Amino acid sequence: MNDTLLRLSDLRQLGLEGGVLLYLQDGTVAKCRPKFAAIQKKERKNGRLVNVEEIVPFATIFQAISVVKRNNLVIARKFVQNNQSFLRLSGVGYHRKEKKREV
């Protein structure tokens, strides 16, 4: 079962590969980057609306992620079991690379 759970290292790898969106529980959408997530926000500066990216570390946003998508493919979805929430890989769009171990 641990093979099907999304980890922080998977989010970093997905950020390297690009094109990944993180849908949060509050309805906001964040872009997945190699070291952080970026949330687009509009702020008012000098009387004008300006698009601003808010940088959020993966560790702080991880519990709020409900769906991970790339190119309209669901990579991972949140599920709850025994009052604990997990992100389960769907098996489509991303496969974890196995590390080669020397004996």
PDB file of N, CA and C in Angstrom:
ATOM      1  N   MET A   1       0.810  -1.189   0.000  1.00  0.00           N
ATOM      2  CA  MET A   1       0.000   0.000   0.000  1.00  0.00           C
ATOM      3  C   MET A   1       0.860   1.261   0.000  1.00  0.00           C
ATOM      4  N   ASN A   2       2.047   1.215   0.595  1.00  0.00           N
ATOM      5  CA  ASN A   2       2.915   2.384   0.622  1.00  0.00           C
ATOM      6  C   ASN A   2       3.402   2.766  -0.766  1.00  0.00           C
ATOM      7  N   ASP A   3       3.393   1.821  -1.702  1.00  0.00           N
ATOM      8  CA  ASP A   3       3.819   2.128  -3.063  1.00  0.00           C
ATOM      9  C   ASP A   3       2.821   3.023  -3.773  1.00  0.00           C
ATOM     10  N   THR A   4       1.583   3.039  -3.322  1.00  0.00           N
ATOM     11  CA  THR A   4       0.557   3.810  -4.009  1.00  0.00           C
ATOM     12  C   THR A   4       0.314   5.179  -3.379  1.00  0.00           C
ATOM     13  N   LEU A   5       1.049   5.531  -2.330  1.00  0.00           N
ATOM     14  CA  LEU A   5       0.858   6.825  -1.679  1.00  0.00           C
ATOM     15  C   LEU A   5       1.832   7.851  -2.252  1.00  0.00           C
ATOM     16  N   LEU A   6       1.344   9.064  -2.441  1.00  0.00           N
ATOM     17  CA  LEU A   6       2.157  10.162  -2.952  1.00  0.00           C
ATOM     18  C   LEU A   6       3.018  10.717  -1.828  1.00  0.00           C
ATOM     19  N   ARG A   7       4.282  10.977  -2.117  1.00  0.00           N
ATOM     20  CA  ARG A   7       5.225  11.505  -1.137  1.00  0.00           C
ATOM     21  C   ARG A   7       5.670  12.904  -1.549  1.00  0.00           C
ATOM     22  N   LEU A   8       6.349  13.590  -0.638  1.00  0.00           N
ATOM     23  CA  LEU A   8       6.909  14.902  -0.963  1.00  0.00           C
ATOM     24  C   LEU A   8       7.937  14.800  -2.082  1.00  0.00           C
ATOM     25  N   SER A   9       8.723  13.733  -2.091  1.00  0.00           N
ATOM     26  CA  SER A   9       9.711  13.551  -3.154  1.00  0.00           C
ATOM     27  C   SER A   9       9.028  13.373  -4.512  1.00  0.00           C
ATOM     28  N   ASP A  10       7.837  12.785  -4.523  1.00  0.00           N
ATOM     29  CA  ASP A  10       7.082  12.662  -5.771  1.00  0.00           C
ATOM     30  C   ASP A  10       6.641  14.031  -6.274  1.00  0.00           C
ATOM     31  N   LEU A  11       6.232  14.910  -5.359  1.00  0.00           N
ATOM     32  CA  LEU A  11       5.846  16.265  -5.761  1.00  0.00           C
ATOM     33  C   LEU A  11       7.034  17.012  -6.353  1.00  0.00           C
ATOM     34  N   ARG A  12       8.209  16.826  -5.774  1.00  0.00           N
ATOM     35  CA  ARG A  12       9.407  17.475  -6.316  1.00  0.00           C
ATOM     36  C   ARG A  12       9.729  16.941  -7.711  1.00  0.00           C
ATOM     37  N   GLN A  13       9.597  15.641  -7.900  1.00  0.00           N
ATOM     38  CA  GLN A  13       9.850  15.041  -9.211  1.00  0.00           C
ATOM     39  C   GLN A  13       8.824  15.526 -10.232  1.00  0.00           C
ATOM     40  N   LEU A  14       7.569  15.615  -9.836  1.00  0.00           N
ATOM     41  CA  LEU A  14       6.528  16.122 -10.729  1.00  0.00           C
ATOM     42  C   LEU A  14       6.789  17.579 -11.089  1.00  0.00           C
ATOM     43  N   GLY A  15       7.312  18.352 -10.153  1.00  0.00           N
ATOM     44  CA  GLY A  15       7.666  19.734 -10.435  1.00  0.00           C
ATOM     45  C   GLY A  15       8.780  19.840 -11.459  1.00  0.00           C
ATOM     46  N   LEU A  16       9.731  18.915 -11.404  1.00  0.00           N
ATOM     47  CA  LEU A  16      10.802  18.882 -12.403  1.00  0.00           C
ATOM     48  C   LEU A  16      10.255  18.537 -13.783  1.00  0.00           C
ATOM     49  N   GLU A  17       9.315  17.617 -13.842  1.00  0.00           N
ATOM     50  CA  GLU A  17       8.749  17.190 -15.118  1.00  0.00           C
ATOM     51  C   GLU A  17       7.827  18.253 -15.704  1.00  0.00           C
ATOM     52  N   GLY A  18       7.160  19.033 -14.857  1.00  0.00           N
ATOM     53  CA  GLY A  18       6.361  20.174 -15.304  1.00  0.00           C
ATOM     54  C   GLY A  18       4.932  19.835 -15.679  1.00  0.00           C
ATOM     55  N   GLY A  19       4.115  20.893 -15.795  1.00  0.00           N
ATOM     56  CA  GLY A  19       2.731  20.764 -16.226  1.00  0.00           C
ATOM     57  C   GLY A  19       1.782  20.206 -15.188  1.00  0.00           C
ATOM     58  N   VAL A  20       2.134  20.288 -13.902  1.00  0.00           N
ATOM     59  CA  VAL A  20       1.321  19.681 -12.847  1.00  0.00           C
ATOM     60  C   VAL A  20       0.589  20.771 -12.070  1.00  0.00           C
ATOM     61  N   LEU A  21      -0.704  20.547 -11.852  1.00  0.00           N
ATOM     62  CA  LEU A  21      -1.521  21.456 -11.059  1.00  0.00           C
ATOM     63  C   LEU A  21      -1.981  20.748  -9.793  1.00  0.00           C
ATOM     64  N   LEU A  22      -1.959  21.485  -8.688  1.00  0.00           N
ATOM     65  CA  LEU A  22      -2.415  20.970  -7.402  1.00  0.00           C
ATOM     66  C   LEU A  22      -3.713  21.677  -7.052  1.00  0.00           C
ATOM     67  N   TYR A  23      -4.787  20.921  -6.900  1.00  0.00           N
ATOM     68  CA  TYR A  23      -6.079  21.482  -6.515  1.00  0.00           C
ATOM     69  C   TYR A  23      -6.219  21.328  -5.009  1.00  0.00           C
ATOM     70  N   LEU A  24      -6.415  22.455  -4.323  1.00  0.00           N
ATOM     71  CA  LEU A  24      -6.483  22.455  -2.868  1.00  0.00           C
ATOM     72  C   LEU A  24      -7.927  22.363  -2.395  1.00  0.00           C
ATOM     73  N   GLN A  25      -8.115  22.030  -1.116  1.00  0.00           N
ATOM     74  CA  GLN A  25      -9.453  21.839  -0.563  1.00  0.00           C
ATOM     75  C   GLN A  25     -10.275  23.121  -0.565  1.00  0.00           C
ATOM     76  N   ASP A  26      -9.637  24.270  -0.477  1.00  0.00           N
ATOM     77  CA  ASP A  26     -10.385  25.530  -0.458  1.00  0.00           C
ATOM     78  C   ASP A  26     -10.730  26.036  -1.855  1.00  0.00           C
ATOM     79  N   GLY A  27     -10.373  25.281  -2.894  1.00  0.00           N
ATOM     80  CA  GLY A  27     -10.741  25.635  -4.259  1.00  0.00           C
ATOM     81  C   GLY A  27      -9.657  26.335  -5.048  1.00  0.00           C
ATOM     82  N   THR A  28      -8.547  26.680  -4.429  1.00  0.00           N
ATOM     83  CA  THR A  28      -7.472  27.338  -5.160  1.00  0.00           C
ATOM     84  C   THR A  28      -6.652  26.310  -5.928  1.00  0.00           C
ATOM     85  N   VAL A  29      -5.958  26.803  -6.948  1.00  0.00           N
ATOM     86  CA  VAL A  29      -5.123  25.955  -7.793  1.00  0.00           C
ATOM     87  C   VAL A  29      -3.690  26.452  -7.685  1.00  0.00           C
ATOM     88  N   ALA A  30      -2.750  25.523  -7.494  1.00  0.00           N
ATOM     89  CA  ALA A  30      -1.336  25.877  -7.382  1.00  0.00           C
ATOM     90  C   ALA A  30      -0.554  25.139  -8.460  1.00  0.00           C
ATOM     91  N   LYS A  31       0.467  25.795  -8.999  1.00  0.00           N
ATOM     92  CA  LYS A  31       1.368  25.150  -9.948  1.00  0.00           C
ATOM     93  C   LYS A  31       2.477  24.471  -9.163  1.00  0.00           C
ATOM     94  N   CYS A  32       2.819  23.281  -9.585  1.00  0.00           N
ATOM     95  CA  CYS A  32       3.863  22.510  -8.916  1.00  0.00           C
ATOM     96  C   CYS A  32       5.208  22.844  -9.557  1.00  0.00           C
ATOM     97  N   ARG A  33       6.131  23.344  -8.769  1.00  0.00           N
ATOM     98  CA  ARG A  33       7.482  23.666  -9.209  1.00  0.00           C
ATOM     99  C   ARG A  33       8.438  22.688  -8.529  1.00  0.00           C
ATOM    100  N   PRO A  34       9.718  22.628  -8.946  1.00  0.00           N
ATOM    101  CA  PRO A  34      10.632  21.637  -8.362  1.00  0.00           C
ATOM    102  C   PRO A  34      10.842  21.747  -6.850  1.00  0.00           C
ATOM    103  N   LYS A  35      10.797  22.959  -6.290  1.00  0.00           N
ATOM    104  CA  LYS A  35      11.081  23.098  -4.861  1.00  0.00           C
ATOM    105  C   LYS A  35       9.924  23.662  -4.050  1.00  0.00           C
ATOM    106  N   PHE A  36       8.846  24.085  -4.717  1.00  0.00           N
ATOM    107  CA  PHE A  36       7.732  24.707  -4.011  1.00  0.00           C
ATOM    108  C   PHE A  36       6.503  24.699  -4.903  1.00  0.00           C
ATOM    109  N   ALA A  37       5.390  25.142  -4.347  1.00  0.00           N
ATOM    110  CA  ALA A  37       4.160  25.336  -5.121  1.00  0.00           C
ATOM    111  C   ALA A  37       3.934  26.836  -5.257  1.00  0.00           C
ATOM    112  N   ALA A  38       3.388  27.246  -6.396  1.00  0.00           N
ATOM    113  CA  ALA A  38       3.140  28.666  -6.653  1.00  0.00           C
ATOM    114  C   ALA A  38       1.645  28.885  -6.849  1.00  0.00           C
ATOM    115  N   ILE A  39       1.070  29.769  -6.040  1.00  0.00           N
ATOM    116  CA  ILE A  39      -0.353  30.086  -6.124  1.00  0.00           C
ATOM    117  C   ILE A  39      -0.501  31.470  -6.745  1.00  0.00           C
ATOM    118  N   GLN A  40      -1.290  31.564  -7.815  1.00  0.00           N
ATOM    119  CA  GLN A  40      -1.549  32.848  -8.477  1.00  0.00           C
ATOM    120  C   GLN A  40      -2.588  33.627  -7.680  1.00  0.00           C
ATOM    121  N   LYS A  41      -2.267  34.870  -7.356  1.00  0.00           N
ATOM    122  CA  LYS A  41      -3.204  35.744  -6.650  1.00  0.00           C
ATOM    123  C   LYS A  41      -3.195  37.108  -7.317  1.00  0.00           C
ATOM    124  N   LYS A  42      -4.287  37.837  -7.139  1.00  0.00           N
ATOM    125  CA  LYS A  42      -4.359  39.202  -7.644  1.00  0.00           C
ATOM    126  C   LYS A  42      -4.266  40.154  -6.463  1.00  0.00           C
ATOM    127  N   GLU A  43      -3.373  41.141  -6.598  1.00  0.00           N
ATOM    128  CA  GLU A  43      -3.206  42.150  -5.567  1.00  0.00           C
ATOM    129  C   GLU A  43      -3.312  43.526  -6.204  1.00  0.00           C
ATOM    130  N   ARG A  44      -3.663  44.474  -5.397  1.00  0.00           N
ATOM    131  CA  ARG A  44      -3.793  45.846  -5.869  1.00  0.00           C
ATOM    132  C   ARG A  44      -2.505  46.600  -5.526  1.00  0.00           C
ATOM    133  N   LYS A  45      -1.816  47.095  -6.573  1.00  0.00           N
ATOM    134  CA  LYS A  45      -0.609  47.897  -6.392  1.00  0.00           C
ATOM    135  C   LYS A  45      -0.751  49.162  -7.215  1.00  0.00           C
ATOM    136  N   ASN A  46      -0.603  50.295  -6.558  1.00  0.00           N
ATOM    137  CA  ASN A  46      -0.726  51.608  -7.204  1.00  0.00           C
ATOM    138  C   ASN A  46      -2.054  51.761  -7.937  1.00  0.00           C
ATOM    139  N   GLY A  47      -3.113  51.204  -7.372  1.00  0.00           N
ATOM    140  CA  GLY A  47      -4.435  51.341  -7.972  1.00  0.00           C
ATOM    141  C   GLY A  47      -4.728  50.375  -9.101  1.00  0.00           C
ATOM    142  N   ARG A  48      -3.814  49.469  -9.394  1.00  0.00           N
ATOM    143  CA  ARG A  48      -4.004  48.487 -10.471  1.00  0.00           C
ATOM    144  C   ARG A  48      -4.006  47.078  -9.897  1.00  0.00           C
ATOM    145  N   LEU A  49      -4.766  46.199 -10.560  1.00  0.00           N
ATOM    146  CA  LEU A  49      -4.729  44.785 -10.186  1.00  0.00           C
ATOM    147  C   LEU A  49      -3.547  44.126 -10.879  1.00  0.00           C
ATOM    148  N   VAL A  50      -2.726  43.459 -10.101  1.00  0.00           N
ATOM    149  CA  VAL A  50      -1.527  42.817 -10.621  1.00  0.00           C
ATOM    150  C   VAL A  50      -1.539  41.354 -10.197  1.00  0.00           C
ATOM    151  N   ASN A  51      -1.173  40.452 -11.119  1.00  0.00           N
ATOM    152  CA  ASN A  51      -1.039  39.035 -10.779  1.00  0.00           C
ATOM    153  C   ASN A  51       0.270  38.818 -10.032  1.00  0.00           C
ATOM    154  N   VAL A  52       0.170  38.131  -8.897  1.00  0.00           N
ATOM    155  CA  VAL A  52       1.329  37.869  -8.053  1.00  0.00           C
ATOM    156  C   VAL A  52       1.362  36.379  -7.742  1.00  0.00           C
ATOM    157  N   GLU A  53       2.569  35.789  -7.770  1.00  0.00           N
ATOM    158  CA  GLU A  53       2.726  34.385  -7.390  1.00  0.00           C
ATOM    159  C   GLU A  53       3.133  34.312  -5.927  1.00  0.00           C
ATOM    160  N   GLU A  54       2.375  33.561  -5.160  1.00  0.00           N
ATOM    161  CA  GLU A  54       2.733  33.318  -3.765  1.00  0.00           C
ATOM    162  C   GLU A  54       3.447  31.974  -3.696  1.00  0.00           C
ATOM    163  N   ILE A  55       4.638  31.969  -3.133  1.00  0.00           N
ATOM    164  CA  ILE A  55       5.436  30.750  -3.032  1.00  0.00           C
ATOM    165  C   ILE A  55       5.109  30.056  -1.715  1.00  0.00           C
ATOM    166  N   VAL A  56       4.718  28.778  -1.818  1.00  0.00           N
ATOM    167  CA  VAL A  56       4.327  28.002  -0.643  1.00  0.00           C
ATOM    168  C   VAL A  56       5.137  26.702  -0.637  1.00  0.00           C
ATOM    169  N   PRO A  57       5.827  26.377   0.463  1.00  0.00           N
ATOM    170  CA  PRO A  57       6.567  25.112   0.539  1.00  0.00           C
ATOM    171  C   PRO A  57       5.616  23.907   0.502  1.00  0.00           C
ATOM    172  N   PHE A  58       6.100  22.807  -0.053  1.00  0.00           N
ATOM    173  CA  PHE A  58       5.281  21.599  -0.146  1.00  0.00           C
ATOM    174  C   PHE A  58       4.841  21.107   1.231  1.00  0.00           C
ATOM    175  N   ALA A  59       5.704  21.229   2.223  1.00  0.00           N
ATOM    176  CA  ALA A  59       5.389  20.701   3.554  1.00  0.00           C
ATOM    177  C   ALA A  59       4.170  21.385   4.167  1.00  0.00           C
ATOM    178  N   THR A  60       3.975  22.674   3.886  1.00  0.00           N
ATOM    179  CA  THR A  60       2.841  23.382   4.467  1.00  0.00           C
ATOM    180  C   THR A  60       1.556  23.164   3.675  1.00  0.00           C
ATOM    181  N   ILE A  61       1.662  22.851   2.408  1.00  0.00           N
ATOM    182  CA  ILE A  61       0.484  22.738   1.548  1.00  0.00           C
ATOM    183  C   ILE A  61       0.035  21.276   1.381  1.00  0.00           C
ATOM    184  N   PHE A  62       0.864  20.331   1.796  1.00  0.00           N
ATOM    185  CA  PHE A  62       0.622  18.915   1.510  1.00  0.00           C
ATOM    186  C   PHE A  62      -0.724  18.427   2.047  1.00  0.00           C
ATOM    187  N   GLN A  63      -1.091  18.806   3.269  1.00  0.00           N
ATOM    188  CA  GLN A  63      -2.347  18.343   3.865  1.00  0.00           C
ATOM    189  C   GLN A  63      -3.573  18.945   3.190  1.00  0.00           C
ATOM    190  N   ALA A  64      -3.407  20.067   2.501  1.00  0.00           N
ATOM    191  CA  ALA A  64      -4.541  20.745   1.867  1.00  0.00           C
ATOM    192  C   ALA A  64      -4.779  20.290   0.429  1.00  0.00           C
ATOM    193  N   ILE A  65      -3.889  19.471  -0.133  1.00  0.00           N
ATOM    194  CA  ILE A  65      -4.034  19.024  -1.525  1.00  0.00           C
ATOM    195  C   ILE A  65      -5.146  17.985  -1.605  1.00  0.00           C
ATOM    196  N   SER A  66      -6.070  18.169  -2.554  1.00  0.00           N
ATOM    197  CA  SER A  66      -7.131  17.180  -2.739  1.00  0.00           C
ATOM    198  C   SER A  66      -6.945  16.391  -4.028  1.00  0.00           C
ATOM    199  N   VAL A  67      -6.459  17.037  -5.100  1.00  0.00           N
ATOM    200  CA  VAL A  67      -6.250  16.357  -6.383  1.00  0.00           C
ATOM    201  C   VAL A  67      -4.963  16.874  -7.012  1.00  0.00           C
ATOM    202  N   VAL A  68      -4.203  15.962  -7.628  1.00  0.00           N
ATOM    203  CA  VAL A  68      -3.013  16.324  -8.395  1.00  0.00           C
ATOM    204  C   VAL A  68      -3.274  15.923  -9.839  1.00  0.00           C
ATOM    205  N   LYS A  69      -3.160  16.907 -10.770  1.00  0.00           N
ATOM    206  CA  LYS A  69      -3.447  16.641 -12.179  1.00  0.00           C
ATOM    207  C   LYS A  69      -2.299  17.082 -13.065  1.00  0.00           C
ATOM    208  N   ARG A  70      -2.127  16.361 -14.179  1.00  0.00           N
ATOM    209  CA  ARG A  70      -1.219  16.767 -15.242  1.00  0.00           C
ATOM    210  C   ARG A  70      -1.913  16.488 -16.570  1.00  0.00           C
ATOM    211  N   ASN A  71      -2.059  17.508 -17.394  1.00  0.00           N
ATOM    212  CA  ASN A  71      -2.687  17.371 -18.716  1.00  0.00           C
ATOM    213  C   ASN A  71      -4.047  16.679 -18.629  1.00  0.00           C
ATOM    214  N   ASN A  72      -4.879  17.108 -17.686  1.00  0.00           N
ATOM    215  CA  ASN A  72      -6.225  16.571 -17.464  1.00  0.00           C
ATOM    216  C   ASN A  72      -6.237  15.103 -17.049  1.00  0.00           C
ATOM    217  N   LEU A  73      -5.112  14.573 -16.627  1.00  0.00           N
ATOM    218  CA  LEU A  73      -5.045  13.220 -16.070  1.00  0.00           C
ATOM    219  C   LEU A  73      -4.887  13.332 -14.559  1.00  0.00           C
ATOM    220  N   VAL A  74      -5.711  12.611 -13.831  1.00  0.00           N
ATOM    221  CA  VAL A  74      -5.615  12.629 -12.368  1.00  0.00           C
ATOM    222  C   VAL A  74      -4.466  11.717 -11.956  1.00  0.00           C
ATOM    223  N   ILE A  75      -3.446  12.306 -11.352  1.00  0.00           N
ATOM    224  CA  ILE A  75      -2.280  11.549 -10.908  1.00  0.00           C
ATOM    225  C   ILE A  75      -2.505  11.000  -9.508  1.00  0.00           C
ATOM    226  N   ALA A  76      -3.080  11.825  -8.634  1.00  0.00           N
ATOM    227  CA  ALA A  76      -3.338  11.401  -7.253  1.00  0.00           C
ATOM    228  C   ALA A  76      -4.599  12.081  -6.744  1.00  0.00           C
ATOM    229  N   ARG A  77      -5.271  11.388  -5.831  1.00  0.00           N
ATOM    230  CA  ARG A  77      -6.504  11.909  -5.244  1.00  0.00           C
ATOM    231  C   ARG A  77      -6.473  11.623  -3.741  1.00  0.00           C
ATOM    232  N   LYS A  78      -7.041  12.531  -2.969  1.00  0.00           N
ATOM    233  CA  LYS A  78      -7.066  12.376  -1.515  1.00  0.00           C
ATOM    234  C   LYS A  78      -8.155  11.385  -1.114  1.00  0.00           C
ATOM    235  N   PHE A  79      -7.832  10.523  -0.158  1.00  0.00           N
ATOM    236  CA  PHE A  79      -8.830   9.638   0.431  1.00  0.00           C
ATOM    237  C   PHE A  79      -8.606   9.600   1.939  1.00  0.00           C
ATOM    238  N   VAL A  80      -9.662   9.278   2.651  1.00  0.00           N
ATOM    239  CA  VAL A  80      -9.625   9.269   4.114  1.00  0.00           C
ATOM    240  C   VAL A  80      -9.858   7.849   4.601  1.00  0.00           C
ATOM    241  N   GLN A  81      -9.013   7.426   5.549  1.00  0.00           N
ATOM    242  CA  GLN A  81      -9.143   6.095   6.126  1.00  0.00           C
ATOM    243  C   GLN A  81      -8.788   6.199   7.609  1.00  0.00           C
ATOM    244  N   ASN A  82      -9.692   5.772   8.468  1.00  0.00           N
ATOM    245  CA  ASN A  82      -9.494   5.825   9.924  1.00  0.00           C
ATOM    246  C   ASN A  82      -9.121   7.234  10.393  1.00  0.00           C
ATOM    247  N   ASN A  83      -9.851   8.226   9.904  1.00  0.00           N
ATOM    248  CA  ASN A  83      -9.643   9.636  10.259  1.00  0.00           C
ATOM    249  C   ASN A  83      -8.264  10.162   9.876  1.00  0.00           C
ATOM    250  N   GLN A  84      -7.579   9.514   8.953  1.00  0.00           N
ATOM    251  CA  GLN A  84      -6.318  10.009   8.409  1.00  0.00           C
ATOM    252  C   GLN A  84      -6.494  10.187   6.910  1.00  0.00           C
ATOM    253  N   SER A  85      -5.921  11.254   6.375  1.00  0.00           N
ATOM    254  CA  SER A  85      -6.039  11.499   4.940  1.00  0.00           C
ATOM    255  C   SER A  85      -4.715  11.198   4.252  1.00  0.00           C
ATOM    256  N   PHE A  86      -4.819  10.619   3.051  1.00  0.00           N
ATOM    257  CA  PHE A  86      -3.665  10.248   2.252  1.00  0.00           C
ATOM    258  C   PHE A  86      -3.896  10.683   0.813  1.00  0.00           C
ATOM    259  N   LEU A  87      -2.814  10.850   0.065  1.00  0.00           N
ATOM    260  CA  LEU A  87      -2.901  11.072  -1.373  1.00  0.00           C
ATOM    261  C   LEU A  87      -2.504   9.769  -2.052  1.00  0.00           C
ATOM    262  N   ARG A  88      -3.448   9.164  -2.746  1.00  0.00           N
ATOM    263  CA  ARG A  88      -3.206   7.877  -3.397  1.00  0.00           C
ATOM    264  C   ARG A  88      -2.944   8.095  -4.882  1.00  0.00           C
ATOM    265  N   LEU A  89      -1.866   7.490  -5.392  1.00  0.00           N
ATOM    266  CA  LEU A  89      -1.560   7.556  -6.819  1.00  0.00           C
ATOM    267  C   LEU A  89      -2.598   6.765  -7.601  1.00  0.00           C
ATOM    268  N   SER A  90      -3.032   7.305  -8.731  1.00  0.00           N
ATOM    269  CA  SER A  90      -4.057   6.641  -9.533  1.00  0.00           C
ATOM    270  C   SER A  90      -3.467   5.593 -10.467  1.00  0.00           C
ATOM    271  N   GLY A  91      -2.162   5.658 -10.733  1.00  0.00           N
ATOM    272  CA  GLY A  91      -1.544   4.715 -11.651  1.00  0.00           C
ATOM    273  C   GLY A  91      -1.513   5.219 -13.081  1.00  0.00           C
ATOM    274  N   VAL A  92      -2.021   6.436 -13.300  1.00  0.00           N
ATOM    275  CA  VAL A  92      -2.047   7.026 -14.637  1.00  0.00           C
ATOM    276  C   VAL A  92      -1.277   8.338 -14.595  1.00  0.00           C
ATOM    277  N   GLY A  93      -0.380   8.559 -15.550  1.00  0.00           N
ATOM    278  CA  GLY A  93       0.291   9.846 -15.677  1.00  0.00           C
ATOM    279  C   GLY A  93       1.589   9.992 -14.921  1.00  0.00           C
ATOM    280  N   TYR A  94       1.844   9.158 -13.930  1.00  0.00           N
ATOM    281  CA  TYR A  94       3.093   9.238 -13.172  1.00  0.00           C
ATOM    282  C   TYR A  94       3.376   7.888 -12.540  1.00  0.00           C
ATOM    283  N   HIS A  95       4.616   7.450 -12.697  1.00  0.00           N
ATOM    284  CA  HIS A  95       5.075   6.226 -12.051  1.00  0.00           C
ATOM    285  C   HIS A  95       6.395   6.537 -11.367  1.00  0.00           C
ATOM    286  N   ARG A  96       6.485   6.183 -10.113  1.00  0.00           N
ATOM    287  CA  ARG A  96       7.681   6.459  -9.333  1.00  0.00           C
ATOM    288  C   ARG A  96       8.855   5.663  -9.891  1.00  0.00           C
ATOM    289  N   LYS A  97       9.982   6.347 -10.025  1.00  0.00           N
ATOM    290  CA  LYS A  97      11.182   5.685 -10.527  1.00  0.00           C
ATOM    291  C   LYS A  97      11.872   4.967  -9.380  1.00  0.00           C
ATOM    292  N   GLU A  98      12.232   3.735  -9.621  1.00  0.00           N
ATOM    293  CA  GLU A  98      12.910   2.939  -8.602  1.00  0.00           C
ATOM    294  C   GLU A  98      14.380   3.334  -8.540  1.00  0.00           C
ATOM    295  N   LYS A  99      14.890   3.488  -7.323  1.00  0.00           N
ATOM    296  CA  LYS A  99      16.307   3.776  -7.157  1.00  0.00           C
ATOM    297  C   LYS A  99      17.078   2.467  -7.230  1.00  0.00           C
ATOM    298  N   LYS A 100      18.175   2.500  -7.974  1.00  0.00           N
ATOM    299  CA  LYS A 100      19.008   1.306  -8.080  1.00  0.00           C
ATOM    300  C   LYS A 100      19.917   1.243  -6.864  1.00  0.00           C
ATOM    301  N   ARG A 101      19.876   0.123  -6.185  1.00  0.00           N
ATOM    302  CA  ARG A 101      20.695  -0.052  -4.994  1.00  0.00           C
ATOM    303  C   ARG A 101      21.810  -1.031  -5.302  1.00  0.00           C
ATOM    304  N   GLU A 102      23.004  -0.639  -4.896  1.00  0.00           N
ATOM    305  CA  GLU A 102      24.149  -1.519  -5.112  1.00  0.00           C
ATOM    306  C   GLU A 102      24.288  -2.467  -3.934  1.00  0.00           C
ATOM    307  N   VAL A 103      24.643  -3.693  -4.240  1.00  0.00           N
ATOM    308  CA  VAL A 103      24.781  -4.708  -3.197  1.00  0.00           C
ATOM    309  C   VAL A 103      26.220  -4.904  -2.847  1.00  0.00           C
TER     310      VAL A 103
END
